[in-house]
């Protein structure tokens, strides 16, 4: 799960377009290089709290722990049919 080397993580961070994921990969790469969490935070200009959280998540779930999750939210009160009818109504009114 968390068997990536420092070089692999840095290479992967260069390929990733999303800034959040790139930063998390760099944090883990520096941590795997033997830097302590405080120096990683200073080097990358992020809080120690976030470094601690990202390292813990990585150790628990590997890189997959960093993938974006669909935000949970309140379920819709409208059925699919009601949504379609509302959309039709709005389109007719405009």
N, C-alpha and C. Protein backbone atom coordinates (compact mmCIF):
# COMPACT_ATOMS: atom_id res chain seq x y z
N UNK A 1 0.82 -1.19 0.00
CA UNK A 1 0.00 0.00 0.00
C UNK A 1 0.87 1.26 0.00
N UNK A 2 1.79 1.36 0.97
CA UNK A 2 2.64 2.54 1.04
C UNK A 2 4.10 2.16 0.75
N UNK A 3 4.29 1.44 -0.32
CA UNK A 3 5.60 0.92 -0.68
C UNK A 3 6.34 1.77 -1.72
N UNK A 4 5.89 2.98 -1.96
CA UNK A 4 6.52 3.82 -2.97
C UNK A 4 7.80 4.43 -2.42
N UNK A 5 8.78 4.57 -3.30
CA UNK A 5 10.03 5.21 -2.90
C UNK A 5 9.90 6.72 -3.03
N UNK A 6 10.85 7.40 -2.46
CA UNK A 6 10.89 8.87 -2.55
C UNK A 6 10.92 9.31 -4.01
N UNK A 7 11.76 8.65 -4.83
CA UNK A 7 11.88 9.02 -6.24
C UNK A 7 10.57 8.77 -6.99
N UNK A 8 9.91 7.65 -6.70
CA UNK A 8 8.64 7.35 -7.36
C UNK A 8 7.59 8.41 -7.01
N UNK A 9 7.56 8.81 -5.75
CA UNK A 9 6.58 9.81 -5.33
C UNK A 9 6.85 11.16 -5.97
N UNK A 10 8.12 11.54 -6.08
CA UNK A 10 8.45 12.82 -6.72
C UNK A 10 8.12 12.78 -8.21
N UNK A 11 8.40 11.66 -8.86
CA UNK A 11 8.07 11.52 -10.28
C UNK A 11 6.56 11.58 -10.48
N UNK A 12 5.83 10.93 -9.61
CA UNK A 12 4.37 10.95 -9.70
C UNK A 12 3.83 12.35 -9.46
N UNK A 13 4.43 13.08 -8.53
CA UNK A 13 3.97 14.44 -8.25
C UNK A 13 4.18 15.36 -9.46
N UNK A 14 5.21 15.09 -10.26
CA UNK A 14 5.45 15.90 -11.46
C UNK A 14 4.41 15.62 -12.54
N UNK A 15 3.81 14.45 -12.51
CA UNK A 15 2.81 14.08 -13.53
C UNK A 15 1.40 14.52 -13.16
N UNK A 16 1.17 14.71 -11.87
CA UNK A 16 -0.17 15.04 -11.39
C UNK A 16 -0.48 16.51 -11.65
N UNK A 17 -1.66 16.79 -12.16
CA UNK A 17 -2.04 18.17 -12.47
C UNK A 17 -2.67 18.87 -11.27
N UNK A 18 -3.37 18.12 -10.44
CA UNK A 18 -4.07 18.73 -9.31
C UNK A 18 -3.07 19.14 -8.23
N UNK A 19 -3.13 20.41 -7.84
CA UNK A 19 -2.18 20.96 -6.87
C UNK A 19 -2.25 20.25 -5.52
N UNK A 20 -3.45 19.96 -5.06
CA UNK A 20 -3.60 19.31 -3.75
C UNK A 20 -2.89 17.96 -3.71
N UNK A 21 -3.11 17.17 -4.74
CA UNK A 21 -2.50 15.85 -4.79
C UNK A 21 -0.98 15.97 -4.92
N UNK A 22 -0.52 16.92 -5.73
CA UNK A 22 0.92 17.13 -5.91
C UNK A 22 1.58 17.47 -4.57
N UNK A 23 0.94 18.36 -3.82
CA UNK A 23 1.50 18.77 -2.53
C UNK A 23 1.55 17.59 -1.56
N UNK A 24 0.52 16.79 -1.53
CA UNK A 24 0.49 15.64 -0.63
C UNK A 24 1.57 14.63 -0.99
N UNK A 25 1.76 14.41 -2.28
CA UNK A 25 2.81 13.48 -2.72
C UNK A 25 4.20 14.00 -2.35
N UNK A 26 4.40 15.30 -2.50
CA UNK A 26 5.69 15.88 -2.13
C UNK A 26 5.95 15.78 -0.63
N UNK A 27 4.90 15.98 0.16
CA UNK A 27 5.04 15.83 1.62
C UNK A 27 5.51 14.43 1.95
N UNK A 28 4.88 13.43 1.35
CA UNK A 28 5.24 12.04 1.63
C UNK A 28 6.65 11.74 1.12
N UNK A 29 7.01 12.28 -0.04
CA UNK A 29 8.36 12.06 -0.59
C UNK A 29 9.42 12.61 0.36
N UNK A 30 9.20 13.81 0.87
CA UNK A 30 10.17 14.40 1.81
C UNK A 30 10.22 13.60 3.10
N UNK A 31 9.06 13.16 3.56
CA UNK A 31 9.00 12.36 4.79
C UNK A 31 9.76 11.05 4.61
N UNK A 32 9.58 10.41 3.45
CA UNK A 32 10.28 9.15 3.18
C UNK A 32 11.78 9.36 3.01
N UNK A 33 12.17 10.59 2.66
CA UNK A 33 13.59 10.90 2.52
C UNK A 33 14.26 11.06 3.88
N UNK A 34 13.47 10.98 4.94
CA UNK A 34 14.04 11.04 6.27
C UNK A 34 13.89 12.37 6.98
N UNK A 35 13.23 13.32 6.34
CA UNK A 35 13.03 14.62 6.99
C UNK A 35 11.93 14.47 8.05
N UNK A 36 12.08 15.24 9.13
CA UNK A 36 11.01 15.19 10.13
C UNK A 36 9.83 16.04 9.67
N UNK A 37 8.71 15.83 10.29
CA UNK A 37 7.47 16.48 9.83
C UNK A 37 7.54 18.00 9.92
N UNK A 38 8.20 18.52 10.94
CA UNK A 38 8.31 19.97 11.08
C UNK A 38 9.12 20.58 9.94
N UNK A 39 10.22 19.94 9.56
CA UNK A 39 11.03 20.48 8.47
C UNK A 39 10.32 20.33 7.13
N UNK A 40 9.55 19.26 6.96
CA UNK A 40 8.75 19.10 5.74
C UNK A 40 7.75 20.25 5.64
N UNK A 41 7.10 20.55 6.75
CA UNK A 41 6.11 21.64 6.77
C UNK A 41 6.76 22.97 6.41
N UNK A 42 7.93 23.25 6.98
CA UNK A 42 8.63 24.50 6.67
C UNK A 42 9.07 24.54 5.21
N UNK A 43 9.64 23.45 4.72
CA UNK A 43 10.14 23.40 3.35
C UNK A 43 9.04 23.64 2.33
N UNK A 44 7.88 23.03 2.55
CA UNK A 44 6.79 23.12 1.58
C UNK A 44 5.76 24.19 1.93
N UNK A 45 6.01 24.91 3.02
CA UNK A 45 5.14 26.00 3.44
C UNK A 45 3.70 25.54 3.67
N UNK A 46 3.57 24.46 4.40
CA UNK A 46 2.25 23.98 4.83
C UNK A 46 2.30 23.79 6.35
N UNK A 47 1.13 23.68 6.96
CA UNK A 47 1.10 23.55 8.41
C UNK A 47 1.56 22.15 8.84
N UNK A 48 2.13 22.09 10.04
CA UNK A 48 2.55 20.79 10.58
C UNK A 48 1.34 19.89 10.77
N UNK A 49 0.21 20.49 11.11
CA UNK A 49 -1.02 19.70 11.29
C UNK A 49 -1.37 18.95 10.00
N UNK A 50 -1.27 19.65 8.87
CA UNK A 50 -1.61 19.01 7.59
C UNK A 50 -0.58 17.93 7.24
N UNK A 51 0.68 18.20 7.51
CA UNK A 51 1.72 17.19 7.25
C UNK A 51 1.43 15.95 8.09
N UNK A 52 1.12 16.14 9.37
CA UNK A 52 0.80 15.01 10.24
C UNK A 52 -0.39 14.22 9.70
N UNK A 53 -1.42 14.94 9.28
CA UNK A 53 -2.63 14.29 8.77
C UNK A 53 -2.34 13.52 7.48
N UNK A 54 -1.62 14.13 6.55
CA UNK A 54 -1.33 13.48 5.28
C UNK A 54 -0.44 12.26 5.46
N UNK A 55 0.55 12.36 6.33
CA UNK A 55 1.43 11.21 6.59
C UNK A 55 0.62 10.07 7.21
N UNK A 56 -0.23 10.40 8.18
CA UNK A 56 -1.06 9.37 8.82
C UNK A 56 -1.99 8.71 7.81
N UNK A 57 -2.61 9.51 6.96
CA UNK A 57 -3.50 8.96 5.93
C UNK A 57 -2.73 8.06 4.97
N UNK A 58 -1.54 8.48 4.58
CA UNK A 58 -0.73 7.68 3.67
C UNK A 58 -0.34 6.36 4.31
N UNK A 59 0.06 6.41 5.57
CA UNK A 59 0.47 5.18 6.25
C UNK A 59 -0.70 4.21 6.43
N UNK A 60 -1.90 4.75 6.55
CA UNK A 60 -3.09 3.90 6.69
C UNK A 60 -3.57 3.35 5.35
N UNK A 61 -3.57 4.21 4.31
CA UNK A 61 -4.21 3.81 3.07
C UNK A 61 -3.41 3.99 1.80
N UNK A 62 -2.16 4.37 1.90
CA UNK A 62 -1.36 4.58 0.70
C UNK A 62 -1.83 5.79 -0.09
N UNK A 63 -1.45 5.85 -1.35
CA UNK A 63 -1.80 6.98 -2.21
C UNK A 63 -3.31 7.07 -2.40
N UNK A 64 -3.98 5.94 -2.39
CA UNK A 64 -5.44 5.96 -2.60
C UNK A 64 -6.15 6.76 -1.51
N UNK A 65 -5.51 6.95 -0.36
CA UNK A 65 -6.11 7.75 0.71
C UNK A 65 -6.19 9.23 0.34
N UNK A 66 -5.43 9.64 -0.68
CA UNK A 66 -5.41 11.04 -1.11
C UNK A 66 -6.42 11.35 -2.21
N UNK A 67 -7.02 10.34 -2.79
CA UNK A 67 -7.94 10.57 -3.89
C UNK A 67 -9.18 11.31 -3.40
N UNK A 68 -9.67 12.19 -4.23
CA UNK A 68 -10.85 12.98 -3.86
C UNK A 68 -12.05 12.08 -3.69
N UNK A 69 -12.78 12.38 -2.65
CA UNK A 69 -14.00 11.63 -2.39
C UNK A 69 -15.19 12.52 -2.70
N UNK A 70 -16.26 11.91 -3.15
CA UNK A 70 -17.46 12.67 -3.44
C UNK A 70 -17.98 13.25 -2.13
N UNK A 71 -18.20 14.56 -2.10
CA UNK A 71 -18.68 15.14 -0.85
C UNK A 71 -20.08 14.64 -0.50
N UNK A 72 -20.25 14.34 0.75
CA UNK A 72 -21.57 13.90 1.17
C UNK A 72 -22.43 15.14 1.37
N UNK A 73 -23.68 14.98 1.22
CA UNK A 73 -24.59 16.10 1.38
C UNK A 73 -26.00 15.60 1.59
N UNK A 74 -26.86 16.52 1.76
CA UNK A 74 -28.25 16.18 1.99
C UNK A 74 -28.83 15.58 0.71
N UNK A 75 -29.56 14.48 0.83
CA UNK A 75 -30.19 13.89 -0.35
C UNK A 75 -31.25 14.83 -0.93
N UNK A 76 -31.41 14.78 -2.22
CA UNK A 76 -32.39 15.62 -2.89
C UNK A 76 -33.80 15.24 -2.46
N UNK A 77 -34.63 16.25 -2.31
CA UNK A 77 -36.04 16.00 -1.96
C UNK A 77 -36.87 15.73 -3.20
N UNK A 78 -36.31 16.03 -4.37
CA UNK A 78 -37.03 15.82 -5.63
C UNK A 78 -36.63 14.50 -6.26
N UNK A 79 -37.60 13.83 -6.85
CA UNK A 79 -37.30 12.61 -7.60
C UNK A 79 -36.70 13.01 -8.95
N UNK A 80 -36.19 12.04 -9.67
CA UNK A 80 -35.63 12.31 -11.00
C UNK A 80 -36.69 12.88 -11.92
N UNK A 81 -37.89 12.37 -11.83
CA UNK A 81 -38.99 12.85 -12.67
C UNK A 81 -39.33 14.30 -12.31
N UNK A 82 -39.37 14.61 -11.03
CA UNK A 82 -39.67 15.97 -10.61
C UNK A 82 -38.58 16.94 -11.07
N UNK A 83 -37.35 16.51 -11.02
CA UNK A 83 -36.24 17.35 -11.50
C UNK A 83 -36.39 17.63 -12.99
N UNK A 84 -36.75 16.60 -13.76
CA UNK A 84 -36.93 16.76 -15.20
C UNK A 84 -38.08 17.71 -15.49
N UNK A 85 -39.18 17.57 -14.75
CA UNK A 85 -40.33 18.46 -14.94
C UNK A 85 -39.97 19.90 -14.59
N UNK A 86 -39.22 20.09 -13.52
CA UNK A 86 -38.80 21.42 -13.12
C UNK A 86 -37.89 22.04 -14.19
N UNK A 87 -36.98 21.25 -14.73
CA UNK A 87 -36.09 21.74 -15.78
C UNK A 87 -36.89 22.15 -17.02
N UNK A 88 -37.87 21.34 -17.41
CA UNK A 88 -38.74 21.68 -18.54
C UNK A 88 -39.47 22.99 -18.28
N UNK A 89 -40.01 23.14 -17.08
CA UNK A 89 -40.75 24.34 -16.71
C UNK A 89 -39.85 25.57 -16.80
N UNK A 90 -38.64 25.46 -16.28
CA UNK A 90 -37.71 26.59 -16.30
C UNK A 90 -37.34 26.95 -17.73
N UNK A 91 -37.10 25.95 -18.57
CA UNK A 91 -36.74 26.21 -19.96
C UNK A 91 -37.89 26.88 -20.72
N UNK A 92 -39.13 26.49 -20.42
CA UNK A 92 -40.29 27.09 -21.09
C UNK A 92 -40.50 28.53 -20.65
N UNK A 93 -40.14 28.84 -19.42
CA UNK A 93 -40.35 30.19 -18.89
C UNK A 93 -39.28 31.18 -19.35
N UNK A 94 -38.16 30.68 -19.83
CA UNK A 94 -37.09 31.60 -20.22
C UNK A 94 -37.03 31.82 -21.70
